[in-house]
C-alpha atoms as a PDB file:
ATOM      1  CA  MET A   1       4.847 -47.230  -7.625  1.00  0.00           C
ATOM      2  CA  ALA A   2       6.638 -45.977  -4.535  1.00  0.00           C
ATOM      3  CA  VAL A   3       8.997 -43.903  -6.679  1.00  0.00           C
ATOM      4  CA  VAL A   4       6.047 -42.389  -8.560  1.00  0.00           C
ATOM      5  CA  ALA A   5       4.277 -41.610  -5.268  1.00  0.00           C
ATOM      6  CA  LEU A   6       7.418 -39.969  -3.869  1.00  0.00           C
ATOM      7  CA  ARG A   7       7.783 -37.838  -6.988  1.00  0.00           C
ATOM      8  CA  GLN A   8       4.138 -36.824  -6.774  1.00  0.00           C
ATOM      9  CA  TYR A   9       4.598 -35.954  -3.082  1.00  0.00           C
ATOM     10  CA  ARG A  10       7.579 -33.777  -3.907  1.00  0.00           C
ATOM     11  CA  THR A  11       5.620 -32.152  -6.717  1.00  0.00           C
ATOM     12  CA  ASN A  12       2.783 -31.372  -4.316  1.00  0.00           C
ATOM     13  CA  ILE A  13       5.197 -29.883  -1.782  1.00  0.00           C
ATOM     14  CA  ASP A  14       6.817 -27.717  -4.471  1.00  0.00           C
ATOM     15  CA  HIS A  15       3.386 -26.632  -5.656  1.00  0.00           C
ATOM     16  CA  PHE A  16       2.379 -25.674  -2.119  1.00  0.00           C
ATOM     17  CA  ILE A  17       5.586 -23.724  -1.614  1.00  0.00           C
ATOM     18  CA  LYS A  18       5.030 -21.839  -4.870  1.00  0.00           C
ATOM     19  CA  THR A  19       1.291 -21.271  -4.526  1.00  0.00           C
ATOM     20  CA  GLY A  20      -0.003 -22.247  -1.094  1.00  0.00           C
ATOM     21  CA  ILE A  21       2.249 -20.033   0.983  1.00  0.00           C
ATOM     22  CA  PRO A  22       1.550 -16.892  -1.105  1.00  0.00           C
ATOM     23  CA  ILE A  23      -2.174 -17.617  -0.881  1.00  0.00           C
ATOM     24  CA  CYS A  24      -1.984 -17.969   2.904  1.00  0.00           C
ATOM     25  CA  TYR A  25       0.237 -14.904   3.113  1.00  0.00           C
ATOM     26  CA  ASN A  26      -2.135 -12.734   1.089  1.00  0.00           C
ATOM     27  CA  MET A  27      -5.210 -13.955   2.923  1.00  0.00           C
ATOM     28  CA  GLY A  28      -3.429 -13.330   6.214  1.00  0.00           C
ATOM     29  CA  LEU A  29      -2.601  -9.752   5.207  1.00  0.00           C
ATOM     30  CA  ILE A  30      -6.187  -9.130   4.131  1.00  0.00           C
ATOM     31  CA  THR A  31      -7.595 -10.603   7.336  1.00  0.00           C
ATOM     32  CA  ALA A  32      -5.200  -8.666   9.552  1.00  0.00           C
ATOM     33  CA  GLY A  33      -5.850  -5.439   7.661  1.00  0.00           C
ATOM     34  CA  CYS A  34      -9.632  -5.813   7.901  1.00  0.00           C
ATOM     35  CA  ILE A  35      -9.438  -6.474  11.628  1.00  0.00           C
ATOM     36  CA  VAL A  36      -7.162  -3.466  12.224  1.00  0.00           C
ATOM     37  CA  TYR A  37      -9.429  -1.208  10.166  1.00  0.00           C
ATOM     38  CA  VAL A  38     -12.592  -2.371  11.950  1.00  0.00           C
ATOM     39  CA  ILE A  39     -10.948  -1.807  15.343  1.00  0.00           C
ATOM     40  CA  GLY A  40     -10.083   1.760  14.390  1.00  0.00           C
ATOM     41  CA  MET A  41     -13.556   2.296  12.959  1.00  0.00           C
ATOM     42  CA  HIS A  42     -15.520   0.996  15.936  1.00  0.00           C
ATOM     43  CA  SER A  43     -13.225   2.154  18.742  1.00  0.00           C
ATOM     44  CA  VAL A  44     -12.408   5.686  17.589  1.00  0.00           C
ATOM     45  CA  MET A  45     -14.012   6.844  14.355  1.00  0.00           C
ATOM     46  CA  ILE A  46     -17.689   6.033  14.894  1.00  0.00           C
ATOM     47  CA  PRO A  47     -17.755   7.004  18.616  1.00  0.00           C
ATOM     48  CA  ALA A  48     -16.314  10.399  17.623  1.00  0.00           C
ATOM     49  CA  GLY A  49     -19.018  10.897  14.993  1.00  0.00           C
ATOM     50  CA  LEU A  50     -16.522  10.831  12.123  1.00  0.00           C
ATOM     51  CA  PHE A  51     -17.036   9.055   8.852  1.00  0.00           C
ATOM     52  CA  SER A  52     -14.823   7.642   6.186  1.00  0.00           C
ATOM     53  CA  GLY A  53     -14.911   8.138   2.450  1.00  0.00           C
ATOM     54  CA  GLY A  54     -15.895   5.735  -0.269  1.00  0.00           C
ATOM     55  CA  LEU A  55     -18.316   2.919   0.278  1.00  0.00           C
ATOM     56  CA  THR A  56     -17.331   2.579   3.927  1.00  0.00           C
ATOM     57  CA  GLY A  57     -18.235   6.216   4.456  1.00  0.00           C
ATOM     58  CA  ILE A  58     -21.576   5.732   2.750  1.00  0.00           C
ATOM     59  CA  ALA A  59     -22.314   2.755   4.999  1.00  0.00           C
ATOM     60  CA  ILE A  60     -21.310   4.702   8.130  1.00  0.00           C
ATOM     61  CA  LEU A  61     -23.376   7.730   7.125  1.00  0.00           C
ATOM     62  CA  ALA A  62     -26.352   5.460   6.556  1.00  0.00           C
ATOM     63  CA  SER A  63     -25.854   3.895   9.991  1.00  0.00           C
ATOM     64  CA  TYR A  64     -25.953   7.353  11.603  1.00  0.00           C
ATOM     65  CA  HIS A  65     -29.394   7.935  10.089  1.00  0.00           C
ATOM     66  CA  TRP A  66     -30.608   4.346  10.573  1.00  0.00           C
ATOM     67  CA  PRO A  67     -28.944   3.093  13.779  1.00  0.00           C
ATOM     68  CA  GLY A  68     -30.120  -0.474  13.264  1.00  0.00           C
ATOM     69  CA  LEU A  69     -28.386  -0.773   9.903  1.00  0.00           C
ATOM     70  CA  ASP A  70     -25.691  -3.455   9.649  1.00  0.00           C
ATOM     71  CA  ILE A  71     -22.643  -1.607   8.277  1.00  0.00           C
ATOM     72  CA  GLY A  72     -20.925  -4.773   7.111  1.00  0.00           C
ATOM     73  CA  LEU A  73     -23.901  -6.132   5.180  1.00  0.00           C
ATOM     74  CA  PHE A  74     -24.722  -2.782   3.600  1.00  0.00           C
ATOM     75  CA  TYR A  75     -21.072  -2.374   2.610  1.00  0.00           C
ATOM     76  CA  LEU A  76     -21.139  -5.799   0.965  1.00  0.00           C
ATOM     77  CA  ILE A  77     -24.185  -4.860  -1.116  1.00  0.00           C
ATOM     78  CA  LEU A  78     -22.648  -1.552  -2.221  1.00  0.00           C
ATOM     79  CA  ASN A  79     -19.586  -3.386  -3.520  1.00  0.00           C
ATOM     80  CA  ILE A  80     -21.383  -5.352  -6.239  1.00  0.00           C
ATOM     81  CA  PRO A  81     -20.753  -2.896  -9.139  1.00  0.00           C
ATOM     82  CA  PHE A  82     -17.117  -2.415  -8.079  1.00  0.00           C
ATOM     83  CA  VAL A  83     -16.604  -6.159  -8.083  1.00  0.00           C
ATOM     84  CA  LEU A  84     -17.832  -6.250 -11.673  1.00  0.00           C
ATOM     85  CA  LEU A  85     -15.429  -3.421 -12.574  1.00  0.00           C
ATOM     86  CA  GLY A  86     -12.480  -5.194 -11.005  1.00  0.00           C
ATOM     87  CA  TRP A  87     -13.396  -8.564 -12.512  1.00  0.00           C
ATOM     88  CA  ARG A  88     -13.394  -7.034 -15.988  1.00  0.00           C
ATOM     89  CA  HIS A  89     -10.510  -4.558 -15.868  1.00  0.00           C
ATOM     90  CA  ILE A  90      -8.030  -5.678 -13.189  1.00  0.00           C
ATOM     91  CA  SER A  91      -7.554  -9.426 -12.781  1.00  0.00           C
ATOM     92  CA  ARG A  92      -9.467 -12.495 -11.740  1.00  0.00           C
ATOM     93  CA  SER A  93      -6.971 -13.433  -9.024  1.00  0.00           C
ATOM     94  CA  PHE A  94      -7.125  -9.890  -7.616  1.00  0.00           C
ATOM     95  CA  MET A  95     -10.901 -10.063  -7.469  1.00  0.00           C
ATOM     96  CA  VAL A  96     -10.897 -13.474  -5.785  1.00  0.00           C
ATOM     97  CA  TYR A  97      -8.765 -11.990  -3.009  1.00  0.00           C
ATOM     98  CA  THR A  98     -10.946  -8.876  -3.007  1.00  0.00           C
ATOM     99  CA  VAL A  99     -14.174 -10.820  -2.577  1.00  0.00           C
ATOM    100  CA  PHE A 100     -12.469 -12.633   0.282  1.00  0.00           C
ATOM    101  CA  GLY A 101     -11.520  -9.254   1.772  1.00  0.00           C
ATOM    102  CA  MET A 102     -15.050  -7.921   1.410  1.00  0.00           C
ATOM    103  CA  VAL A 103     -16.476 -10.908   3.231  1.00  0.00           C
ATOM    104  CA  ILE A 104     -13.867 -10.718   5.999  1.00  0.00           C
ATOM    105  CA  PHE A 105     -14.442  -6.978   6.426  1.00  0.00           C
ATOM    106  CA  SER A 106     -18.213  -7.427   6.583  1.00  0.00           C
ATOM    107  CA  VAL A 107     -17.939 -10.239   9.125  1.00  0.00           C
ATOM    108  CA  ALA A 108     -15.395  -8.311  11.209  1.00  0.00           C
ATOM    109  CA  ALA A 109     -17.578  -5.178  11.139  1.00  0.00           C
ATOM    110  CA  ALA A 110     -20.542  -7.211  12.372  1.00  0.00           C
ATOM    111  CA  LEU A 111     -18.746  -9.235  15.050  1.00  0.00           C
ATOM    112  CA  LEU A 112     -15.908  -7.050  16.346  1.00  0.00           C
ATOM    113  CA  LYS A 113     -17.248  -4.320  18.608  1.00  0.00           C
ATOM    114  CA  PRO A 114     -14.316  -3.093  20.737  1.00  0.00           C
ATOM    115  CA  ALA A 115     -14.984  -0.622  23.524  1.00  0.00           C
ATOM    116  CA  PRO A 116     -14.557   3.049  22.573  1.00  0.00           C
ATOM    117  CA  LEU A 117     -11.143   4.443  23.494  1.00  0.00           C
ATOM    118  CA  GLY A 118     -12.733   7.606  24.865  1.00  0.00           C
ATOM    119  CA  VAL A 119     -10.925  10.103  22.649  1.00  0.00           C
ATOM    120  CA  ASN A 120     -13.052  13.232  23.069  1.00  0.00           C
ATOM    121  CA  ASP A 121     -11.072  15.704  20.989  1.00  0.00           C
ATOM    122  CA  PRO A 122     -12.268  15.303  17.369  1.00  0.00           C
ATOM    123  CA  VAL A 123      -8.867  16.265  15.937  1.00  0.00           C
ATOM    124  CA  LEU A 124      -7.097  13.633  18.025  1.00  0.00           C
ATOM    125  CA  ALA A 125      -9.807  11.137  17.146  1.00  0.00           C
ATOM    126  CA  ALA A 126      -9.346  11.882  13.431  1.00  0.00           C
ATOM    127  CA  LEU A 127      -5.566  11.484  13.682  1.00  0.00           C
ATOM    128  CA  LEU A 128      -5.707   8.295  15.743  1.00  0.00           C
ATOM    129  CA  SER A 129      -8.423   6.604  13.717  1.00  0.00           C
ATOM    130  CA  GLY A 130      -6.693   7.696  10.502  1.00  0.00           C
ATOM    131  CA  ALA A 131      -3.442   6.114  11.638  1.00  0.00           C
ATOM    132  CA  ILE A 132      -5.122   2.867  12.689  1.00  0.00           C
ATOM    133  CA  CYS A 133      -7.358   2.585   9.633  1.00  0.00           C
ATOM    134  CA  GLY A 134      -4.501   3.618   7.341  1.00  0.00           C
ATOM    135  CA  ALA A 135      -2.403   0.789   8.734  1.00  0.00           C
ATOM    136  CA  GLY A 136      -5.290  -1.569   8.075  1.00  0.00           C
ATOM    137  CA  CYS A 137      -5.697  -0.337   4.498  1.00  0.00           C
ATOM    138  CA  GLY A 138      -1.972  -0.629   3.916  1.00  0.00           C
ATOM    139  CA  LEU A 139      -1.872  -4.223   5.128  1.00  0.00           C
ATOM    140  CA  ILE A 140      -4.756  -5.103   2.841  1.00  0.00           C
ATOM    141  CA  LEU A 141      -3.223  -3.426  -0.205  1.00  0.00           C
ATOM    142  CA  ARG A 142       0.158  -5.075   0.387  1.00  0.00           C
ATOM    143  CA  SER A 143      -1.606  -8.287  -0.536  1.00  0.00           C
ATOM    144  CA  LEU A 144      -2.750  -9.218  -4.029  1.00  0.00           C
ATOM    145  CA  GLY A 145      -6.282  -8.036  -3.287  1.00  0.00           C
ATOM    146  CA  SER A 146      -8.270  -5.411  -1.414  1.00  0.00           C
ATOM    147  CA  ALA A 147     -11.345  -5.085   0.771  1.00  0.00           C
ATOM    148  CA  GLY A 148     -13.440  -3.764  -2.093  1.00  0.00           C
ATOM    149  CA  GLY A 149     -15.031  -0.378  -2.610  1.00  0.00           C
ATOM    150  CA  MET A 150     -12.809   2.528  -3.561  1.00  0.00           C
ATOM    151  CA  ASP A 151      -9.775   0.273  -3.112  1.00  0.00           C
ATOM    152  CA  ILE A 152     -10.761  -1.422  -6.358  1.00  0.00           C
ATOM    153  CA  LEU A 153     -11.039   1.933  -8.116  1.00  0.00           C
ATOM    154  CA  ALA A 154      -7.715   3.086  -6.608  1.00  0.00           C
ATOM    155  CA  VAL A 155      -5.888  -0.054  -7.754  1.00  0.00           C
ATOM    156  CA  TYR A 156      -7.478   0.225 -11.201  1.00  0.00           C
ATOM    157  CA  LEU A 157      -6.300   3.835 -11.581  1.00  0.00           C
ATOM    158  CA  ASN A 158      -2.884   2.921 -10.173  1.00  0.00           C
ATOM    159  CA  ARG A 159      -2.385   0.211 -12.763  1.00  0.00           C
ATOM    160  CA  ARG A 160      -3.870   2.231 -15.620  1.00  0.00           C
ATOM    161  CA  PHE A 161      -2.374   5.659 -14.910  1.00  0.00           C
ATOM    162  CA  THR A 162       0.235   4.935 -12.146  1.00  0.00           C
ATOM    163  CA  LEU A 163      -1.600   7.210  -9.700  1.00  0.00           C
ATOM    164  CA  ARG A 164      -0.704   6.695  -6.039  1.00  0.00           C
ATOM    165  CA  ILE A 165      -3.254   4.527  -4.285  1.00  0.00           C
ATOM    166  CA  GLY A 166      -3.630   6.555  -1.095  1.00  0.00           C
ATOM    167  CA  MET A 167      -3.980   9.959  -2.721  1.00  0.00           C
ATOM    168  CA  THR A 168      -6.305   8.630  -5.424  1.00  0.00           C
ATOM    169  CA  GLY A 169      -8.596   7.310  -2.745  1.00  0.00           C
ATOM    170  CA  PHE A 170      -8.413  10.645  -0.921  1.00  0.00           C
ATOM    171  CA  ALA A 171      -9.567  12.518  -4.028  1.00  0.00           C
ATOM    172  CA  ALA A 172     -12.385  10.093  -4.760  1.00  0.00           C
ATOM    173  CA  ASN A 173     -13.556  10.061  -1.142  1.00  0.00           C
ATOM    174  CA  ALA A 174     -13.960  13.849  -1.102  1.00  0.00           C
ATOM    175  CA  LEU A 175     -17.317  13.395  -2.807  1.00  0.00           C
ATOM    176  CA  VAL A 176     -18.562  11.365   0.154  1.00  0.00           C
ATOM    177  CA  ILE A 177     -17.272  14.022   2.566  1.00  0.00           C
ATOM    178  CA  ILE A 178     -19.246  16.682   0.717  1.00  0.00           C
ATOM    179  CA  ALA A 179     -22.353  14.525   0.984  1.00  0.00           C
ATOM    180  CA  GLY A 180     -21.630  14.019   4.695  1.00  0.00           C
ATOM    181  CA  ALA A 181     -21.351  17.761   5.246  1.00  0.00           C
ATOM    182  CA  TRP A 182     -24.728  18.235   3.631  1.00  0.00           C
ATOM    183  CA  LEU A 183     -26.555  15.306   5.216  1.00  0.00           C
ATOM    184  CA  HIS A 184     -24.800  14.899   8.570  1.00  0.00           C
ATOM    185  CA  ASP A 185     -22.654  17.671  10.060  1.00  0.00           C
ATOM    186  CA  VAL A 186     -20.289  20.219   8.528  1.00  0.00           C
ATOM    187  CA  ASP A 187     -17.836  20.190  11.455  1.00  0.00           C
ATOM    188  CA  MET A 188     -17.621  16.407  11.457  1.00  0.00           C
ATOM    189  CA  ALA A 189     -17.101  16.471   7.705  1.00  0.00           C
ATOM    190  CA  LEU A 190     -14.112  18.784   8.131  1.00  0.00           C
ATOM    191  CA  TYR A 191     -12.671  16.621  10.899  1.00  0.00           C
ATOM    192  CA  SER A 192     -13.229  13.620   8.641  1.00  0.00           C
ATOM    193  CA  LEU A 193     -11.008  15.265   6.040  1.00  0.00           C
ATOM    194  CA  ILE A 194      -8.200  15.089   8.598  1.00  0.00           C
ATOM    195  CA  PHE A 195      -9.013  11.422   9.079  1.00  0.00           C
ATOM    196  CA  LEU A 196      -8.918  10.744   5.335  1.00  0.00           C
ATOM    197  CA  PHE A 197      -5.621  12.541   4.823  1.00  0.00           C
ATOM    198  CA  THR A 198      -4.027  10.718   7.747  1.00  0.00           C
ATOM    199  CA  ARG A 199      -5.392   7.413   6.508  1.00  0.00           C
ATOM    200  CA  ALA A 200      -4.066   8.069   2.997  1.00  0.00           C
ATOM    201  CA  ARG A 201      -0.593   8.864   4.306  1.00  0.00           C
ATOM    202  CA  GLY A 202      -0.641   5.799   6.534  1.00  0.00           C
ATOM    203  CA  THR A 203      -1.732   3.644   3.611  1.00  0.00           C
ATOM    204  CA  ASP A 204       1.080   4.913   1.393  1.00  0.00           C
ATOM    205  CA  GLN A 205       3.637   4.348   4.125  1.00  0.00           C
ATOM    206  CA  ILE A 206       2.561   0.749   4.679  1.00  0.00           C
ATOM    207  CA  VAL A 207       2.179  -0.039   0.967  1.00  0.00           C
ATOM    208  CA  SER A 208       5.408   1.527  -0.261  1.00  0.00           C
ATOM    209  CA  GLY A 209       7.325   2.619   2.820  1.00  0.00           C
ATOM    210  CA  PHE A 210       8.795  -0.798   3.576  1.00  0.00           C
ATOM    211  CA  ASN A 211       9.974  -1.115  -0.041  1.00  0.00           C
ATOM    212  CA  ALA A 212      11.273   2.446  -0.274  1.00  0.00           C
ATOM    213  CA  ARG A 213      14.719   2.595  -1.802  1.00  0.00           C
ATOM    214  CA  LYS A 214      17.112   5.179  -3.139  1.00  0.00           C
ATOM    215  CA  SER A 215      18.352   4.972  -6.704  1.00  0.00           C
ATOM    216  CA  VAL A 216      21.865   6.348  -7.067  1.00  0.00           C
ATOM    217  CA  MET A 217      23.480   7.528 -10.299  1.00  0.00           C
ATOM    218  CA  VAL A 218      27.225   8.110 -10.312  1.00  0.00           C
ATOM    219  CA  ILE A 219      29.201   9.999 -12.954  1.00  0.00           C
ATOM    220  CA  SER A 220      32.931   9.560 -12.515  1.00  0.00           C
ATOM    221  CA  ASP A 221      36.153   9.171 -14.461  1.00  0.00           C
ATOM    222  CA  ARG A 222      36.806   6.120 -12.271  1.00  0.00           C
ATOM    223  CA  SER A 223      33.478   4.424 -12.879  1.00  0.00           C
ATOM    224  CA  GLY A 224      35.172   1.061 -13.441  1.00  0.00           C
ATOM    225  CA  ASP A 225      36.923   1.153 -10.049  1.00  0.00           C
ATOM    226  CA  ILE A 226      33.700   2.228  -8.311  1.00  0.00           C
ATOM    227  CA  ALA A 227      31.722  -0.530 -10.027  1.00  0.00           C
ATOM    228  CA  ARG A 228      34.235  -3.202  -9.017  1.00  0.00           C
ATOM    229  CA  SER A 229      34.192  -1.992  -5.426  1.00  0.00           C
ATOM    230  CA  LEU A 230      30.398  -2.030  -5.267  1.00  0.00           C
ATOM    231  CA  LEU A 231      30.165  -5.423  -6.947  1.00  0.00           C
ATOM    232  CA  TYR A 232      32.907  -7.395  -5.214  1.00  0.00           C
ATOM    233  CA  GLN A 233      33.411  -5.657  -1.875  1.00  0.00           C
ATOM    234  CA  SER A 234      29.878  -4.552  -1.056  1.00  0.00           C
ATOM    235  CA  GLY A 235      27.955  -7.130  -3.064  1.00  0.00           C
ATOM    236  CA  ARG A 236      25.715  -4.534  -4.709  1.00  0.00           C
ATOM    237  CA  GLY A 237      24.170  -4.767  -8.133  1.00  0.00           C
ATOM    238  CA  VAL A 238      25.414  -2.146 -10.563  1.00  0.00           C
ATOM    239  CA  THR A 239      24.319  -1.233 -14.075  1.00  0.00           C
ATOM    240  CA  PHE A 240      26.333   0.751 -16.603  1.00  0.00           C
ATOM    241  CA  LEU A 241      24.482   3.383 -18.610  1.00  0.00           C
ATOM    242  CA  GLN A 242      26.062   5.014 -21.624  1.00  0.00           C
ATOM    243  CA  GLY A 243      26.472   8.744 -21.161  1.00  0.00           C
ATOM    244  CA  GLN A 244      28.015  11.688 -22.939  1.00  0.00           C
ATOM    245  CA  GLY A 245      29.031  15.049 -21.605  1.00  0.00           C
ATOM    246  CA  ALA A 246      26.977  17.823 -23.217  1.00  0.00           C
ATOM    247  CA  TYR A 247      29.831  20.333 -23.089  1.00  0.00           C
ATOM    248  CA  SER A 248      32.881  18.133 -23.556  1.00  0.00           C
ATOM    249  CA  GLY A 249      31.264  15.521 -25.806  1.00  0.00           C
ATOM    250  CA  LYS A 250      33.208  12.907 -23.833  1.00  0.00           C
ATOM    251  CA  GLN A 251      31.796   9.386 -23.738  1.00  0.00           C
ATOM    252  CA  MET A 252      31.444   7.991 -20.220  1.00  0.00           C
ATOM    253  CA  LYS A 253      29.856   5.186 -18.244  1.00  0.00           C
ATOM    254  CA  VAL A 254      27.183   6.214 -15.753  1.00  0.00           C
ATOM    255  CA  LEU A 255      26.656   3.861 -12.809  1.00  0.00           C
ATOM    256  CA  LEU A 256      23.180   3.064 -11.575  1.00  0.00           C
ATOM    257  CA  THR A 257      22.511   1.201  -8.338  1.00  0.00           C
ATOM    258  CA  VAL A 258      19.721   0.953  -5.785  1.00  0.00           C
ATOM    259  CA  THR A 259      20.177   0.941  -2.025  1.00  0.00           C
ATOM    260  CA  SER A 260      18.204   1.261   1.169  1.00  0.00           C
ATOM    261  CA  MET A 261      17.997   4.377   3.294  1.00  0.00           C
ATOM    262  CA  THR A 262      20.168   2.845   5.991  1.00  0.00           C
ATOM    263  CA  ASP A 263      22.909   1.828   3.542  1.00  0.00           C
ATOM    264  CA  LEU A 264      22.947   5.127   1.647  1.00  0.00           C
ATOM    265  CA  PRO A 265      25.566   6.926   3.826  1.00  0.00           C
ATOM    266  CA  LYS A 266      27.926   3.946   3.566  1.00  0.00           C
ATOM    267  CA  LEU A 267      27.410   3.816  -0.209  1.00  0.00           C
ATOM    268  CA  LYS A 268      28.242   7.512  -0.637  1.00  0.00           C
ATOM    269  CA  GLU A 269      31.302   7.147   1.566  1.00  0.00           C
ATOM    270  CA  GLU A 270      32.493   4.194  -0.524  1.00  0.00           C
ATOM    271  CA  ILE A 271      32.034   6.097  -3.796  1.00  0.00           C
ATOM    272  CA  LEU A 272      33.722   9.304  -2.632  1.00  0.00           C
ATOM    273  CA  ALA A 273      36.620   7.364  -1.110  1.00  0.00           C
ATOM    274  CA  ILE A 274      37.475   6.163  -4.622  1.00  0.00           C
ATOM    275  CA  ASP A 275      36.708   9.407  -6.438  1.00  0.00           C
ATOM    276  CA  PRO A 276      36.163  12.535  -4.302  1.00  0.00           C
ATOM    277  CA  ASP A 277      35.144  14.418  -7.468  1.00  0.00           C
ATOM    278  CA  ALA A 278      32.411  11.959  -8.429  1.00  0.00           C
ATOM    279  CA  PHE A 279      28.988  13.382  -9.266  1.00  0.00           C
ATOM    280  CA  VAL A 280      26.402  11.471  -7.211  1.00  0.00           C
ATOM    281  CA  ALA A 281      22.662  11.929  -7.772  1.00  0.00           C
ATOM    282  CA  VAL A 282      20.263  10.316  -5.280  1.00  0.00           C
ATOM    283  CA  ASN A 283      16.590   9.884  -6.145  1.00  0.00           C
ATOM    284  CA  ASP A 284      13.592   8.462  -4.319  1.00  0.00           C
ATOM    285  CA  THR A 285      12.454   5.055  -5.532  1.00  0.00           C
ATOM    286  CA  VAL A 286       9.030   4.079  -4.240  1.00  0.00           C
ATOM    287  CA  GLU A 287       9.290   0.356  -4.944  1.00  0.00           C
ATOM    288  CA  VAL A 288      11.783  -2.140  -6.328  1.00  0.00           C
ATOM    289  CA  ILE A 289      10.544  -5.332  -7.955  1.00  0.00           C
ATOM    290  CA  ARG A 290      12.832  -8.033  -9.268  1.00  0.00           C
ATOM    291  CA  LYS A 291      12.752 -11.728  -9.947  1.00  0.00           C
ATOM    292  CA  GLN A 292      14.351 -13.608  -7.083  1.00  0.00           C
END
């Protein structure tokens, strides 16, 4: 009985390591992202008279016209059709995290009311709030969920058509900006475009910037020597691709490897030290995913 209990205990620990920690990690990212976004919204964006895009922008615009409106609660109600879209077309686990994010965002928007930072220049306010809110969005989208709204649509389009999340949201949110220019204020709508662009760039940097890599292709007559050096001296993964010269018709092995920005100069130095005539092509790689 004791042996069975010990085995069950170890099984539970392994299960927690495989499932519990990622769950806590993702919920932590969502919570932190919602808090950061709400701080930027209440401390800079709303005091400056700016508004966001998407469902958040609709809720903020409504609060400008009805000051007593609870932004968080109204945002939660607006999310219902998007939750149905995500539940059907994305994934159930994604939507569980997303519903969690929606609730956390709504609660944070209702409870967290930081003092305004006093940024009077609307351009500076748009840049600062865009940076803060973009960081919040990025933290949320680095998890397996979102905070609802246009994030669901952006993730859906990203998975379906590989469109970048930040710029997809920027395009979709333009409709809300047009409505804001008509219903609220044209100048604030234009300043809000600066906010949205800054937020989109900040989101992309947080979502993909930390995973940004460089893919390197090497064409060389000494591909074997270069591969051995990268494998056994530098500990890098290398893949051989079969290539053929278009002019010479010569068969050759093309090396493919992936490295970080900081290691790229060292990698090029290592390759050219073996073959100064090597052809090295460096390309941007937004994200690298592999089984650990």
